[in-house]
Amino acid sequence: MPSDSRLEITSSSSEFLEVYSGDCTYLQYEHYGYGNSTVISLSGGDEVFIKWHISEGGDFDWNMSLSSLATGDNCPLAATVISGTNTLPLLLLAITGTSTP
């Protein structure tokens, strides 16, 4: 797994899947979903294991792709800032308990 990458799994199925990293001695749970999943918590060199829970016969195609992380992929509140004054979202203020003077 290259560093700073996102793993995308897509399929024509609605079957449940789980994604793990690590090795056969120790598996680290990374993500789950139904048919389609995006995993951004992996590190360079990680091996990836995908477990499908097949309940409807299992006759379907699936794809796996790697792409670069986009801004905000590993932080849902990430925002691009500019030189000068920037305003925090009200949601962030409520979560952190920070107030403006």
Protein backbone atom coordinates (compact mmCIF):
# COMPACT_ATOMS: atom_id res chain seq x y z
CA MET A 1 0.00 0.00 0.00
CA PRO A 2 1.57 3.32 -1.00
CA SER A 3 1.58 6.03 1.67
CA ASP A 4 -1.05 8.79 1.59
CA SER A 5 -3.48 6.72 -0.46
CA ARG A 6 -7.13 5.84 -0.33
CA LEU A 7 -8.37 2.37 -1.15
CA GLU A 8 -11.73 2.19 -2.89
CA ILE A 9 -13.70 -1.02 -3.25
CA THR A 10 -16.72 -1.00 -5.55
CA SER A 11 -19.04 -3.80 -6.56
CA SER A 12 -22.37 -4.59 -8.13
CA SER A 13 -23.34 -6.35 -4.90
CA SER A 14 -24.97 -5.20 -1.69
CA GLU A 15 -23.08 -7.85 0.30
CA PHE A 16 -21.42 -6.81 3.57
CA LEU A 17 -17.63 -6.52 3.53
CA GLU A 18 -14.89 -5.87 6.07
CA VAL A 19 -11.39 -4.53 5.42
CA TYR A 20 -8.41 -5.42 7.61
CA SER A 21 -4.70 -4.61 7.49
CA GLY A 22 -1.75 -6.39 9.09
CA ASP A 23 -0.80 -10.02 8.71
CA CYS A 24 -2.26 -13.42 9.53
CA THR A 25 -0.89 -13.19 13.09
CA TYR A 26 -2.53 -9.84 13.88
CA LEU A 27 -5.31 -8.24 11.82
CA GLN A 28 -6.24 -4.61 12.40
CA TYR A 29 -9.90 -3.76 11.65
CA GLU A 30 -10.03 -0.81 9.23
CA HIS A 31 -13.49 -0.43 7.69
CA TYR A 32 -16.81 -2.07 6.81
CA GLY A 33 -19.57 -1.39 4.32
CA TYR A 34 -22.16 -2.83 1.97
CA GLY A 35 -20.85 -3.37 -1.56
CA ASN A 36 -18.78 -0.18 -1.73
CA SER A 37 -16.17 1.10 0.73
CA THR A 38 -13.45 3.73 0.95
CA VAL A 39 -10.56 3.18 3.36
CA ILE A 40 -8.22 6.06 4.25
CA SER A 41 -6.64 4.76 7.46
CA LEU A 42 -3.95 2.60 5.81
CA SER A 43 -0.21 3.22 5.86
CA GLY A 44 2.49 2.60 3.30
CA GLY A 45 3.45 -1.08 3.14
CA ASP A 46 0.21 -2.35 4.74
CA GLU A 47 -1.19 -5.63 3.47
CA VAL A 48 -4.95 -5.51 2.99
CA PHE A 49 -7.41 -8.32 3.67
CA ILE A 50 -11.01 -8.12 2.46
CA LYS A 51 -13.70 -10.35 3.97
CA TRP A 52 -17.02 -10.64 2.13
CA HIS A 53 -20.10 -11.90 4.00
CA ILE A 54 -21.93 -13.74 1.21
CA SER A 55 -25.62 -14.34 1.78
CA GLU A 56 -27.12 -14.02 -1.70
CA GLY A 57 -25.06 -16.53 -3.69
CA GLY A 58 -21.94 -14.41 -4.17
CA ASP A 59 -22.01 -14.16 -7.97
CA PHE A 60 -20.80 -10.59 -8.58
CA ASP A 61 -17.83 -8.55 -9.80
CA TRP A 62 -15.85 -6.17 -7.61
CA ASN A 63 -13.05 -3.70 -8.19
CA MET A 64 -10.28 -2.28 -6.03
CA SER A 65 -8.41 0.94 -6.81
CA LEU A 66 -5.88 3.25 -5.18
CA SER A 67 -5.89 7.01 -5.49
CA SER A 68 -4.26 9.95 -3.75
CA LEU A 69 -5.84 11.35 -0.61
CA ALA A 70 -7.89 14.47 -1.25
CA THR A 71 -8.00 17.44 1.14
CA GLY A 72 -10.23 16.50 4.06
CA ASP A 73 -10.20 12.73 3.42
CA ASN A 74 -8.75 11.92 6.84
CA CYS A 75 -10.43 14.81 8.67
CA PRO A 76 -14.10 15.55 7.94
CA LEU A 77 -13.79 19.12 9.26
CA ALA A 78 -10.66 19.98 7.27
CA ALA A 79 -10.75 23.25 5.36
CA THR A 80 -8.32 25.15 3.21
CA VAL A 81 -7.25 28.45 4.79
CA ILE A 82 -6.05 31.64 3.21
CA SER A 83 -3.52 34.21 4.34
CA GLY A 84 -5.36 36.62 6.65
CA THR A 85 -8.51 36.12 8.71
CA ASN A 86 -10.23 32.75 8.59
CA THR A 87 -13.49 31.87 10.36
CA LEU A 88 -14.04 28.54 12.08
CA PRO A 89 -17.33 26.75 11.41
CA LEU A 90 -19.83 27.03 14.29
CA LEU A 91 -19.92 23.23 14.52
CA LEU A 92 -16.19 23.17 15.31
CA LEU A 93 -16.65 25.84 17.98
CA ALA A 94 -19.40 23.79 19.63
CA ILE A 95 -17.35 20.58 19.61
CA THR A 96 -14.14 22.09 21.01
CA GLY A 97 -15.85 24.47 23.42
CA THR A 98 -13.76 27.29 22.01
CA SER A 99 -15.37 30.69 21.85
CA THR A 100 -14.39 33.83 20.01
CA PRO A 101 -13.73 37.04 21.98
